[in-house]
């Protein structure tokens, strides 16, 4: 979905009683496993409190492709079989037409144009 569709989809999702939202970049980072630089508290400085390009560094580039602890994915065991790169609800501060995402194939944090499609993972 494009970014705004993803926000709306999560907001109006009623499965198991509803209450969902599109996760912030820090919420998505909390799912990263096995890539220390991009896990919460890692050396990548991009968080809910700093969504600026000045907070992004090479440390945000993640780790080796498909070498995470969950069948190659850098996320908790028990999640989907194949890795995804879902949207966050966090806009890129300098470029409001972009939003941040996490690529669980690499454990990296990047930005993408909001009018392009990405995966969606709703949280509550």
Foldseek 3Di string as FASTA:
>chain_A
DFQVVLQVCQQPDCPPHHPKGFAALLVVLCFFADWQQSRVVHVQQPDPVDLEPVSGDVSLQAADFQCDPANSFRGDHPPDPDWFKAFHNAARVVDNQKGWIAGRRRRHIDIDGSVDDGDTDMDD
